[in-house]
PDB file of N, CA and C in Angstrom:
ATOM      1  N   MET A   1      -3.530  17.456  23.218  1.00  0.00           N
ATOM      2  CA  MET A   1      -4.927  16.951  23.210  1.00  0.00           C
ATOM      3  C   MET A   1      -4.947  15.597  23.059  1.00  0.00           C
ATOM      4  N   THR A   2      -5.541  14.890  23.400  1.00  0.00           N
ATOM      5  CA  THR A   2      -5.599  13.481  23.638  1.00  0.00           C
ATOM      6  C   THR A   2      -6.963  12.806  22.644  1.00  0.00           C
ATOM      7  N   LEU A   3      -6.835  11.688  21.841  1.00  0.00           N
ATOM      8  CA  LEU A   3      -7.817  11.119  21.024  1.00  0.00           C
ATOM      9  C   LEU A   3      -9.064  11.439  21.656  1.00  0.00           C
ATOM     10  N   ARG A   4      -9.224  11.100  22.829  1.00  0.00           N
ATOM     11  CA  ARG A   4     -10.691  11.252  23.595  1.00  0.00           C
ATOM     12  C   ARG A   4     -11.092  12.625  23.731  1.00  0.00           C
ATOM     13  N   GLU A   5     -10.321  13.529  23.802  1.00  0.00           N
ATOM     14  CA  GLU A   5     -10.671  15.099  23.838  1.00  0.00           C
ATOM     15  C   GLU A   5     -10.946  15.435  22.348  1.00  0.00           C
ATOM     16  N   ILE A   6     -10.495  15.039  21.491  1.00  0.00           N
ATOM     17  CA  ILE A   6     -10.591  15.260  20.195  1.00  0.00           C
ATOM     18  C   ILE A   6     -11.994  14.661  19.821  1.00  0.00           C
ATOM     19  N   GLU A   7     -12.333  13.272  20.055  1.00  0.00           N
ATOM     20  CA  GLU A   7     -13.502  12.843  19.689  1.00  0.00           C
ATOM     21  C   GLU A   7     -14.592  13.510  20.435  1.00  0.00           C
ATOM     22  N   ALA A   8     -14.601  14.152  21.468  1.00  0.00           N
ATOM     23  CA  ALA A   8     -15.513  14.818  22.018  1.00  0.00           C
ATOM     24  C   ALA A   8     -15.639  16.160  21.502  1.00  0.00           C
ATOM     25  N   SER A   9     -14.663  16.840  21.168  1.00  0.00           N
ATOM     26  CA  SER A   9     -14.651  18.113  20.050  1.00  0.00           C
ATOM     27  C   SER A   9     -15.518  17.808  19.101  1.00  0.00           C
ATOM     28  N   LEU A  10     -15.112  16.631  18.283  1.00  0.00           N
ATOM     29  CA  LEU A  10     -15.879  16.638  17.149  1.00  0.00           C
ATOM     30  C   LEU A  10     -17.349  16.471  17.075  1.00  0.00           C
ATOM     31  N   ASN A  11     -17.972  16.113  18.260  1.00  0.00           N
ATOM     32  CA  ASN A  11     -19.407  16.474  18.351  1.00  0.00           C
ATOM     33  C   ASN A  11     -19.950  17.667  18.694  1.00  0.00           C
ATOM     34  N   THR A  12     -19.011  18.641  18.515  1.00  0.00           N
ATOM     35  CA  THR A  12     -19.453  19.969  18.671  1.00  0.00           C
ATOM     36  C   THR A  12     -19.474  20.721  17.135  1.00  0.00           C
ATOM     37  N   LEU A  13     -18.814  20.135  16.129  1.00  0.00           N
ATOM     38  CA  LEU A  13     -18.677  20.674  14.981  1.00  0.00           C
ATOM     39  C   LEU A  13     -19.904  20.554  14.199  1.00  0.00           C
ATOM     40  N   THR A  14     -20.208  21.402  13.116  1.00  0.00           N
ATOM     41  CA  THR A  14     -21.356  21.283  12.300  1.00  0.00           C
ATOM     42  C   THR A  14     -20.817  20.359  11.326  1.00  0.00           C
ATOM     43  N   SER A  15     -21.597  19.912  10.337  1.00  0.00           N
ATOM     44  CA  SER A  15     -21.292  18.873   9.274  1.00  0.00           C
ATOM     45  C   SER A  15     -20.549  19.341   8.233  1.00  0.00           C
ATOM     46  N   ALA A  16     -20.546  20.986   8.209  1.00  0.00           N
ATOM     47  CA  ALA A  16     -19.716  21.537   7.343  1.00  0.00           C
ATOM     48  C   ALA A  16     -18.329  21.552   7.517  1.00  0.00           C
ATOM     49  N   GLU A  17     -18.067  21.565   8.992  1.00  0.00           N
ATOM     50  CA  GLU A  17     -16.811  21.593   9.659  1.00  0.00           C
ATOM     51  C   GLU A  17     -16.046  20.363   9.297  1.00  0.00           C
ATOM     52  N   LYS A  18     -16.967  19.535   9.881  1.00  0.00           N
ATOM     53  CA  LYS A  18     -16.597  17.790   9.871  1.00  0.00           C
ATOM     54  C   LYS A  18     -16.203  17.862   8.312  1.00  0.00           C
ATOM     55  N   ALA A  19     -16.720  18.002   7.220  1.00  0.00           N
ATOM     56  CA  ALA A  19     -16.680  17.720   5.900  1.00  0.00           C
ATOM     57  C   ALA A  19     -15.087  18.603   5.773  1.00  0.00           C
ATOM     58  N   ARG A  20     -14.881  19.573   6.122  1.00  0.00           N
ATOM     59  CA  ARG A  20     -13.577  20.232   5.927  1.00  0.00           C
ATOM     60  C   ARG A  20     -12.682  19.849   6.558  1.00  0.00           C
ATOM     61  N   LEU A  21     -12.865  19.185   7.805  1.00  0.00           N
ATOM     62  CA  LEU A  21     -11.765  18.407   8.658  1.00  0.00           C
ATOM     63  C   LEU A  21     -11.329  17.255   7.692  1.00  0.00           C
ATOM     64  N   VAL A  22     -12.094  16.512   7.040  1.00  0.00           N
ATOM     65  CA  VAL A  22     -11.850  15.297   6.533  1.00  0.00           C
ATOM     66  C   VAL A  22     -10.982  15.914   5.184  1.00  0.00           C
ATOM     67  N   GLN A  23     -11.507  16.920   4.355  1.00  0.00           N
ATOM     68  CA  GLN A  23     -10.453  17.531   3.410  1.00  0.00           C
ATOM     69  C   GLN A  23      -8.979  17.548   3.753  1.00  0.00           C
ATOM     70  N   LEU A  24      -8.917  18.073   5.192  1.00  0.00           N
ATOM     71  CA  LEU A  24      -7.670  18.558   5.658  1.00  0.00           C
ATOM     72  C   LEU A  24      -6.874  17.020   5.993  1.00  0.00           C
ATOM     73  N   LEU A  25      -7.490  16.068   6.394  1.00  0.00           N
ATOM     74  CA  LEU A  25      -7.014  15.074   6.776  1.00  0.00           C
ATOM     75  C   LEU A  25      -6.511  14.116   5.712  1.00  0.00           C
ATOM     76  N   MET A  26      -7.242  14.083   4.628  1.00  0.00           N
ATOM     77  CA  MET A  26      -7.085  13.136   3.883  1.00  0.00           C
ATOM     78  C   MET A  26      -5.944  13.029   2.956  1.00  0.00           C
ATOM     79  N   PRO A  27      -5.052  14.108   2.622  1.00  0.00           N
ATOM     80  CA  PRO A  27      -3.723  13.939   1.975  1.00  0.00           C
ATOM     81  C   PRO A  27      -2.979  13.055   3.221  1.00  0.00           C
ATOM     82  N   GLU A  28      -3.061  13.175   4.499  1.00  0.00           N
ATOM     83  CA  GLU A  28      -2.242  12.203   5.156  1.00  0.00           C
ATOM     84  C   GLU A  28      -2.687  11.068   5.347  1.00  0.00           C
ATOM     85  N   ILE A  29      -3.877  10.647   5.076  1.00  0.00           N
ATOM     86  CA  ILE A  29      -4.516   9.642   5.167  1.00  0.00           C
ATOM     87  C   ILE A  29      -4.048   8.624   3.983  1.00  0.00           C
ATOM     88  N   THR A  30      -4.173   9.220   2.904  1.00  0.00           N
ATOM     89  CA  THR A  30      -3.780   8.635   1.842  1.00  0.00           C
ATOM     90  C   THR A  30      -2.652   7.840   1.517  1.00  0.00           C
ATOM     91  N   HIS A  31      -1.610   8.181   2.428  1.00  0.00           N
ATOM     92  CA  HIS A  31      -0.226   7.967   2.713  1.00  0.00           C
ATOM     93  C   HIS A  31       0.000   6.935   3.617  1.00  0.00           C
ATOM     94  N   VAL A  32      -1.106   6.422   4.511  1.00  0.00           N
ATOM     95  CA  VAL A  32      -1.051   5.093   5.151  1.00  0.00           C
ATOM     96  C   VAL A  32      -1.954   4.434   4.785  1.00  0.00           C
ATOM     97  N   TRP A  33      -1.365   3.140   4.838  1.00  0.00           N
ATOM     98  CA  TRP A  33      -1.953   1.852   4.541  1.00  0.00           C
ATOM     99  C   TRP A  33      -1.621   0.736   5.197  1.00  0.00           C
ATOM    100  N   PRO A  34      -2.398   0.110   5.896  1.00  0.00           N
ATOM    101  CA  PRO A  34      -1.982  -0.934   6.913  1.00  0.00           C
ATOM    102  C   PRO A  34      -1.192  -1.989   6.285  1.00  0.00           C
ATOM    103  N   GLY A  35      -0.062  -2.360   6.930  1.00  0.00           N
ATOM    104  CA  GLY A  35       1.071  -3.215   6.406  1.00  0.00           C
ATOM    105  C   GLY A  35       2.028  -2.989   5.274  1.00  0.00           C
ATOM    106  N   ILE A  36       1.906  -1.461   4.675  1.00  0.00           N
ATOM    107  CA  ILE A  36       2.426  -1.241   3.642  1.00  0.00           C
ATOM    108  C   ILE A  36       3.287   0.213   4.121  1.00  0.00           C
ATOM    109  N   GLU A  37       4.332   0.298   3.416  1.00  0.00           N
ATOM    110  CA  GLU A  37       5.359   1.622   3.676  1.00  0.00           C
ATOM    111  C   GLU A  37       6.029   1.718   2.378  1.00  0.00           C
ATOM    112  N   LYS A  38       6.289   2.910   2.404  1.00  0.00           N
ATOM    113  CA  LYS A  38       7.016   3.763   1.222  1.00  0.00           C
ATOM    114  C   LYS A  38       8.473   4.450   2.029  1.00  0.00           C
ATOM    115  N   THR A  39       9.312   4.009   1.690  1.00  0.00           N
ATOM    116  CA  THR A  39      10.561   4.911   2.196  1.00  0.00           C
ATOM    117  C   THR A  39      11.537   5.191   1.145  1.00  0.00           C
ATOM    118  N   PRO A  40      11.849   6.455   1.263  1.00  0.00           N
ATOM    119  CA  PRO A  40      13.168   6.573   0.019  1.00  0.00           C
ATOM    120  C   PRO A  40      14.298   5.968   0.106  1.00  0.00           C
ATOM    121  N   GLY A  41      14.648   5.671  -1.176  1.00  0.00           N
ATOM    122  CA  GLY A  41      15.879   4.544  -0.874  1.00  0.00           C
ATOM    123  C   GLY A  41      15.786   3.179  -0.882  1.00  0.00           C
ATOM    124  N   VAL A  42      14.443   2.761  -0.406  1.00  0.00           N
ATOM    125  CA  VAL A  42      14.124   1.293  -0.139  1.00  0.00           C
ATOM    126  C   VAL A  42      13.425   1.003  -1.295  1.00  0.00           C
ATOM    127  N   CYS A  43      13.510  -0.184  -2.095  1.00  0.00           N
ATOM    128  CA  CYS A  43      12.578  -0.599  -3.307  1.00  0.00           C
ATOM    129  C   CYS A  43      12.278   0.628  -4.173  1.00  0.00           C
ATOM    130  N   GLY A  44      13.154   1.558  -4.414  1.00  0.00           N
ATOM    131  CA  GLY A  44      13.113   2.654  -5.119  1.00  0.00           C
ATOM    132  C   GLY A  44      12.044   3.635  -4.741  1.00  0.00           C
ATOM    133  N   GLY A  45      11.689   3.284  -3.254  1.00  0.00           N
ATOM    134  CA  GLY A  45      10.759   4.342  -2.655  1.00  0.00           C
ATOM    135  C   GLY A  45       9.266   3.903  -2.859  1.00  0.00           C
ATOM    136  N   GLU A  46       9.096   2.730  -3.628  1.00  0.00           N
ATOM    137  CA  GLU A  46       7.920   2.466  -4.084  1.00  0.00           C
ATOM    138  C   GLU A  46       7.232   1.437  -2.762  1.00  0.00           C
ATOM    139  N   ALA A  47       5.752   1.361  -2.748  1.00  0.00           N
ATOM    140  CA  ALA A  47       5.364   0.756  -1.660  1.00  0.00           C
ATOM    141  C   ALA A  47       5.599  -0.630  -1.695  1.00  0.00           C
ATOM    142  N   ARG A  48       5.952  -1.080  -0.558  1.00  0.00           N
ATOM    143  CA  ARG A  48       6.312  -2.392  -0.131  1.00  0.00           C
ATOM    144  C   ARG A  48       5.672  -3.026   1.190  1.00  0.00           C
ATOM    145  N   LEU A  49       6.005  -4.395   1.638  1.00  0.00           N
ATOM    146  CA  LEU A  49       5.508  -4.540   2.817  1.00  0.00           C
ATOM    147  C   LEU A  49       6.370  -4.384   3.909  1.00  0.00           C
ATOM    148  N   MET A  50       5.716  -4.044   5.028  1.00  0.00           N
ATOM    149  CA  MET A  50       6.369  -3.210   6.235  1.00  0.00           C
ATOM    150  C   MET A  50       7.733  -4.352   6.430  1.00  0.00           C
ATOM    151  N   ARG A  51       8.774  -3.849   6.945  1.00  0.00           N
ATOM    152  CA  ARG A  51       9.925  -4.510   7.441  1.00  0.00           C
ATOM    153  C   ARG A  51      10.673  -5.408   6.483  1.00  0.00           C
ATOM    154  N   THR A  52      10.154  -5.235   5.270  1.00  0.00           N
ATOM    155  CA  THR A  52      10.722  -6.364   4.270  1.00  0.00           C
ATOM    156  C   THR A  52      11.100  -5.408   3.002  1.00  0.00           C
ATOM    157  N   ARG A  53      11.626  -5.791   2.223  1.00  0.00           N
ATOM    158  CA  ARG A  53      12.072  -5.069   0.606  1.00  0.00           C
ATOM    159  C   ARG A  53      11.395  -5.989  -0.452  1.00  0.00           C
ATOM    160  N   ILE A  54      10.239  -6.314  -0.016  1.00  0.00           N
ATOM    161  CA  ILE A  54       9.277  -7.034  -0.875  1.00  0.00           C
ATOM    162  C   ILE A  54       8.371  -5.801  -1.626  1.00  0.00           C
ATOM    163  N   ALA A  55       8.409  -5.633  -2.994  1.00  0.00           N
ATOM    164  CA  ALA A  55       7.829  -4.393  -3.526  1.00  0.00           C
ATOM    165  C   ALA A  55       6.375  -5.023  -3.614  1.00  0.00           C
ATOM    166  N   VAL A  56       5.294  -4.409  -3.361  1.00  0.00           N
ATOM    167  CA  VAL A  56       3.958  -4.877  -3.558  1.00  0.00           C
ATOM    168  C   VAL A  56       3.676  -5.068  -5.247  1.00  0.00           C
ATOM    169  N   TRP A  57       4.179  -4.309  -6.051  1.00  0.00           N
ATOM    170  CA  TRP A  57       4.130  -4.369  -7.407  1.00  0.00           C
ATOM    171  C   TRP A  57       4.418  -5.950  -7.722  1.00  0.00           C
ATOM    172  N   SER A  58       5.678  -6.368  -7.293  1.00  0.00           N
ATOM    173  CA  SER A  58       6.338  -7.649  -7.547  1.00  0.00           C
ATOM    174  C   SER A  58       5.302  -8.832  -7.205  1.00  0.00           C
ATOM    175  N   LEU A  59       4.747  -8.579  -6.075  1.00  0.00           N
ATOM    176  CA  LEU A  59       3.583  -9.763  -5.589  1.00  0.00           C
ATOM    177  C   LEU A  59       2.664  -9.676  -6.460  1.00  0.00           C
ATOM    178  N   GLU A  60       1.998  -8.409  -7.113  1.00  0.00           N
ATOM    179  CA  GLU A  60       0.989  -8.481  -7.903  1.00  0.00           C
ATOM    180  C   GLU A  60       1.588  -9.039  -9.239  1.00  0.00           C
ATOM    181  N   GLU A  61       2.681  -8.988  -9.743  1.00  0.00           N
ATOM    182  CA  GLU A  61       3.266  -9.434 -10.891  1.00  0.00           C
ATOM    183  C   GLU A  61       3.169 -10.936 -10.915  1.00  0.00           C
ATOM    184  N   MET A  62       3.264 -11.498  -9.582  1.00  0.00           N
ATOM    185  CA  MET A  62       3.500 -12.658  -9.277  1.00  0.00           C
ATOM    186  C   MET A  62       2.085 -13.532  -9.493  1.00  0.00           C
ATOM    187  N   ARG A  63       1.334 -12.905  -8.905  1.00  0.00           N
ATOM    188  CA  ARG A  63      -0.286 -13.146  -8.759  1.00  0.00           C
ATOM    189  C   ARG A  63      -1.000 -13.084 -10.351  1.00  0.00           C
ATOM    190  N   ARG A  64      -0.632 -12.128 -11.081  1.00  0.00           N
ATOM    191  CA  ARG A  64      -0.904 -11.938 -12.469  1.00  0.00           C
ATOM    192  C   ARG A  64      -0.372 -13.310 -13.287  1.00  0.00           C
ATOM    193  N   ARG A  65       0.740 -13.677 -12.918  1.00  0.00           N
ATOM    194  CA  ARG A  65       1.580 -14.904 -13.877  1.00  0.00           C
ATOM    195  C   ARG A  65       0.752 -16.151 -13.300  1.00  0.00           C
ATOM    196  N   GLY A  66       0.009 -16.033 -12.422  1.00  0.00           N
ATOM    197  CA  GLY A  66      -0.826 -17.440 -11.786  1.00  0.00           C
ATOM    198  C   GLY A  66      -0.306 -18.056 -10.731  1.00  0.00           C
ATOM    199  N   TRP A  67       0.455 -17.288 -10.032  1.00  0.00           N
ATOM    200  CA  TRP A  67       1.077 -17.882  -8.724  1.00  0.00           C
ATOM    201  C   TRP A  67      -0.359 -17.818  -7.660  1.00  0.00           C
ATOM    202  N   THR A  68      -0.509 -18.874  -7.041  1.00  0.00           N
ATOM    203  CA  THR A  68      -1.315 -18.805  -5.974  1.00  0.00           C
ATOM    204  C   THR A  68      -0.604 -18.056  -4.480  1.00  0.00           C
ATOM    205  N   GLU A  69      -1.584 -17.636  -3.844  1.00  0.00           N
ATOM    206  CA  GLU A  69      -1.243 -17.347  -2.455  1.00  0.00           C
ATOM    207  C   GLU A  69      -0.422 -18.220  -1.847  1.00  0.00           C
ATOM    208  N   ALA A  70      -0.521 -19.404  -1.918  1.00  0.00           N
ATOM    209  CA  ALA A  70       0.031 -20.411  -1.155  1.00  0.00           C
ATOM    210  C   ALA A  70       1.187 -20.575  -1.715  1.00  0.00           C
ATOM    211  N   GLU A  71       1.719 -20.621  -3.011  1.00  0.00           N
ATOM    212  CA  GLU A  71       2.995 -20.582  -3.817  1.00  0.00           C
ATOM    213  C   GLU A  71       3.794 -19.316  -3.480  1.00  0.00           C
ATOM    214  N   ILE A  72       3.063 -18.105  -3.171  1.00  0.00           N
ATOM    215  CA  ILE A  72       3.870 -16.921  -2.883  1.00  0.00           C
ATOM    216  C   ILE A  72       4.415 -17.023  -1.266  1.00  0.00           C
ATOM    217  N   LEU A  73       3.450 -17.477  -0.533  1.00  0.00           N
ATOM    218  CA  LEU A  73       3.831 -17.633   0.968  1.00  0.00           C
ATOM    219  C   LEU A  73       4.975 -18.515   1.188  1.00  0.00           C
ATOM    220  N   GLN A  74       5.057 -19.605   0.097  1.00  0.00           N
ATOM    221  CA  GLN A  74       6.010 -20.559  -0.081  1.00  0.00           C
ATOM    222  C   GLN A  74       7.498 -20.126  -0.569  1.00  0.00           C
ATOM    223  N   HIS A  75       7.253 -19.384  -1.467  1.00  0.00           N
ATOM    224  CA  HIS A  75       8.480 -18.764  -1.974  1.00  0.00           C
ATOM    225  C   HIS A  75       8.890 -17.628  -0.749  1.00  0.00           C
ATOM    226  N   TYR A  76       8.283 -16.945  -0.129  1.00  0.00           N
ATOM    227  CA  TYR A  76       8.397 -15.889   1.015  1.00  0.00           C
ATOM    228  C   TYR A  76       7.938 -16.541   2.561  1.00  0.00           C
ATOM    229  N   PRO A  77       8.934 -17.688   2.996  1.00  0.00           N
ATOM    230  CA  PRO A  77       8.096 -18.028   4.043  1.00  0.00           C
ATOM    231  C   PRO A  77       8.004 -17.349   5.221  1.00  0.00           C
ATOM    232  N   HIS A  78       8.519 -15.880   5.342  1.00  0.00           N
ATOM    233  CA  HIS A  78       8.432 -15.197   6.601  1.00  0.00           C
ATOM    234  C   HIS A  78       7.215 -14.367   6.359  1.00  0.00           C
ATOM    235  N   LEU A  79       6.639 -14.483   5.476  1.00  0.00           N
ATOM    236  CA  LEU A  79       5.451 -13.487   5.169  1.00  0.00           C
ATOM    237  C   LEU A  79       4.251 -14.413   5.580  1.00  0.00           C
ATOM    238  N   ALA A  80       3.170 -13.728   6.221  1.00  0.00           N
ATOM    239  CA  ALA A  80       2.017 -14.104   6.636  1.00  0.00           C
ATOM    240  C   ALA A  80       0.952 -13.846   5.581  1.00  0.00           C
ATOM    241  N   ALA A  81      -0.149 -14.556   5.775  1.00  0.00           N
ATOM    242  CA  ALA A  81      -1.314 -14.378   4.865  1.00  0.00           C
ATOM    243  C   ALA A  81      -2.091 -12.742   5.063  1.00  0.00           C
ATOM    244  N   ALA A  82      -2.064 -12.360   6.029  1.00  0.00           N
ATOM    245  CA  ALA A  82      -1.987 -10.957   6.444  1.00  0.00           C
ATOM    246  C   ALA A  82      -1.243  -9.908   5.394  1.00  0.00           C
ATOM    247  N   ASP A  83      -0.195 -10.163   5.177  1.00  0.00           N
ATOM    248  CA  ASP A  83       0.793  -9.350   4.486  1.00  0.00           C
ATOM    249  C   ASP A  83       0.218  -9.274   2.889  1.00  0.00           C
ATOM    250  N   LEU A  84      -0.128 -10.346   2.475  1.00  0.00           N
ATOM    251  CA  LEU A  84      -0.578 -10.413   1.196  1.00  0.00           C
ATOM    252  C   LEU A  84      -1.849 -10.054   0.889  1.00  0.00           C
ATOM    253  N   ALA A  85      -2.776  -9.843   2.169  1.00  0.00           N
ATOM    254  CA  ALA A  85      -4.243  -9.395   2.090  1.00  0.00           C
ATOM    255  C   ALA A  85      -3.843  -7.999   2.082  1.00  0.00           C
ATOM    256  N   ASN A  86      -3.183  -7.392   2.862  1.00  0.00           N
ATOM    257  CA  ASN A  86      -2.838  -5.986   2.765  1.00  0.00           C
ATOM    258  C   ASN A  86      -2.232  -5.470   1.109  1.00  0.00           C
ATOM    259  N   ALA A  87      -1.454  -6.429   1.077  1.00  0.00           N
ATOM    260  CA  ALA A  87      -0.841  -5.794  -0.664  1.00  0.00           C
ATOM    261  C   ALA A  87      -1.869  -5.960  -1.720  1.00  0.00           C
ATOM    262  N   TRP A  88      -2.985  -6.984  -1.603  1.00  0.00           N
ATOM    263  CA  TRP A  88      -3.911  -6.953  -2.455  1.00  0.00           C
ATOM    264  C   TRP A  88      -4.885  -5.645  -2.279  1.00  0.00           C
ATOM    265  N   SER A  89      -5.000  -5.360  -1.147  1.00  0.00           N
ATOM    266  CA  SER A  89      -5.978  -4.142  -0.492  1.00  0.00           C
ATOM    267  C   SER A  89      -5.257  -2.983  -1.378  1.00  0.00           C
ATOM    268  N   TYR A  90      -3.772  -2.620  -1.205  1.00  0.00           N
ATOM    269  CA  TYR A  90      -3.242  -1.865  -1.523  1.00  0.00           C
ATOM    270  C   TYR A  90      -3.255  -1.629  -3.020  1.00  0.00           C
ATOM    271  N   VAL A  91      -3.137  -2.883  -3.927  1.00  0.00           N
ATOM    272  CA  VAL A  91      -3.247  -2.954  -5.294  1.00  0.00           C
ATOM    273  C   VAL A  91      -4.476  -2.558  -5.515  1.00  0.00           C
ATOM    274  N   ALA A  92      -5.527  -3.017  -5.006  1.00  0.00           N
ATOM    275  CA  ALA A  92      -6.748  -2.755  -5.401  1.00  0.00           C
ATOM    276  C   ALA A  92      -7.179  -0.995  -5.251  1.00  0.00           C
ATOM    277  N   SER A  93      -6.468  -0.534  -4.512  1.00  0.00           N
ATOM    278  CA  SER A  93      -6.703   1.119  -4.443  1.00  0.00           C
ATOM    279  C   SER A  93      -5.586   1.906  -5.193  1.00  0.00           C
ATOM    280  N   HIS A  94      -4.680   1.076  -5.776  1.00  0.00           N
ATOM    281  CA  HIS A  94      -3.749   2.139  -6.447  1.00  0.00           C
ATOM    282  C   HIS A  94      -3.331   1.144  -7.725  1.00  0.00           C
ATOM    283  N   ILE A  95      -4.334   0.838  -8.511  1.00  0.00           N
ATOM    284  CA  ILE A  95      -3.996  -0.136  -9.492  1.00  0.00           C
ATOM    285  C   ILE A  95      -3.425   0.688 -10.603  1.00  0.00           C
ATOM    286  N   ASP A  96      -3.463   2.003 -10.909  1.00  0.00           N
ATOM    287  CA  ASP A  96      -2.741   2.624 -11.924  1.00  0.00           C
ATOM    288  C   ASP A  96      -1.188   2.831 -11.733  1.00  0.00           C
ATOM    289  N   GLU A  97      -0.839   2.977 -10.417  1.00  0.00           N
ATOM    290  CA  GLU A  97       0.467   2.879  -9.852  1.00  0.00           C
ATOM    291  C   GLU A  97       0.876   1.559 -10.064  1.00  0.00           C
ATOM    292  N   ILE A  98       0.368   0.489  -9.789  1.00  0.00           N
ATOM    293  CA  ILE A  98       1.071  -0.796  -9.897  1.00  0.00           C
ATOM    294  C   ILE A  98       1.029  -1.216 -11.208  1.00  0.00           C
ATOM    295  N   ASP A  99       0.133  -0.916 -12.342  1.00  0.00           N
ATOM    296  CA  ASP A  99       0.205  -1.012 -13.503  1.00  0.00           C
ATOM    297  C   ASP A  99       1.635  -0.568 -14.219  1.00  0.00           C
ATOM    298  N   ARG A 100       1.498   0.989 -13.978  1.00  0.00           N
ATOM    299  CA  ARG A 100       2.669   1.346 -14.075  1.00  0.00           C
ATOM    300  C   ARG A 100       4.133   0.831 -14.076  1.00  0.00           C
ATOM    301  N   LEU A 101       4.299   0.386 -12.777  1.00  0.00           N
ATOM    302  CA  LEU A 101       5.304  -0.278 -12.159  1.00  0.00           C
ATOM    303  C   LEU A 101       5.745  -1.601 -12.544  1.00  0.00           C
ATOM    304  N   ILE A 102       4.826  -2.168 -12.927  1.00  0.00           N
ATOM    305  CA  ILE A 102       5.076  -3.424 -13.643  1.00  0.00           C
ATOM    306  C   ILE A 102       5.363  -3.295 -15.115  1.00  0.00           C
ATOM    307  N   ALA A 103       4.697  -2.462 -15.701  1.00  0.00           N
ATOM    308  CA  ALA A 103       5.257  -2.143 -17.053  1.00  0.00           C
ATOM    309  C   ALA A 103       6.490  -1.663 -17.169  1.00  0.00           C
ATOM    310  N   GLU A 104       6.924  -0.818 -16.335  1.00  0.00           N
ATOM    311  CA  GLU A 104       8.214  -0.158 -16.051  1.00  0.00           C
ATOM    312  C   GLU A 104       9.268  -1.370 -15.976  1.00  0.00           C
ATOM    313  N   ASN A 105       8.903  -2.364 -15.348  1.00  0.00           N
ATOM    314  CA  ASN A 105       9.961  -3.445 -14.742  1.00  0.00           C
ATOM    315  C   ASN A 105      10.054  -4.353 -15.831  1.00  0.00           C
ATOM    316  N   MET A 106       8.911  -4.526 -16.664  1.00  0.00           N
ATOM    317  CA  MET A 106       9.023  -5.435 -17.628  1.00  0.00           C
ATOM    318  C   MET A 106       9.689  -4.637 -18.946  1.00  0.00           C
ATOM    319  N   ASN A 107       9.616  -3.155 -18.907  1.00  0.00           N
ATOM    320  CA  ASN A 107      10.591  -2.592 -20.123  1.00  0.00           C
ATOM    321  C   ASN A 107      11.893  -2.688 -19.683  1.00  0.00           C
ATOM    322  N   ALA A 108      12.159  -2.510 -18.238  1.00  0.00           N
ATOM    323  CA  ALA A 108      13.623  -2.669 -18.193  1.00  0.00           C
ATOM    324  C   ALA A 108      14.387  -4.052 -18.470  1.00  0.00           C
ATOM    325  N   MET A 109      13.474  -5.064 -18.199  1.00  0.00           N
ATOM    326  CA  MET A 109      13.960  -6.392 -18.419  1.00  0.00           C
ATOM    327  C   MET A 109      14.315  -6.879 -19.911  1.00  0.00           C
ATOM    328  N   GLU A 110      13.136  -6.140 -20.871  1.00  0.00           N
ATOM    329  CA  GLU A 110      13.363  -6.401 -22.151  1.00  0.00           C
ATOM    330  C   GLU A 110      14.613  -5.600 -22.633  1.00  0.00           C
ATOM    331  N   GLU A 111      14.960  -4.469 -22.077  1.00  0.00           N
ATOM    332  CA  GLU A 111      16.099  -3.663 -22.559  1.00  0.00           C
ATOM    333  C   GLU A 111      17.187  -4.531 -22.254  1.00  0.00           C
ATOM    334  N   MET A 112      17.253  -4.975 -21.283  1.00  0.00           N
ATOM    335  CA  MET A 112      18.523  -5.849 -20.452  1.00  0.00           C
ATOM    336  C   MET A 112      18.759  -7.084 -21.405  1.00  0.00           C
ATOM    337  N   ALA A 113      17.666  -7.446 -22.003  1.00  0.00           N
ATOM    338  CA  ALA A 113      17.830  -8.976 -22.733  1.00  0.00           C
ATOM    339  C   ALA A 113      18.383  -8.793 -24.352  1.00  0.00           C
TER     340      ALA A 113
END
């Protein structure tokens, strides 16, 4: 079935059926984030910028330490402003996950010292 056919079929559904469809799709949608991917074995399977090994939590940690977007882009010249926008959007929607990862990294660094 094509997307166009699906869209036409959606018009025939009741509000309750559409709500149920959304419930069924949400688990799939929450794993998809523009410009962000998670791959087992890469960056510990944590969220990272697509086609890089730059973890989202590490960018957020830089931002919390006072780095400007310009400084981050200068540090990672292969990134674009859109990459950072994707990262910040992910952070805003996954703040508990990001806070946990930053804390875990800080604890690991302290144990190494």
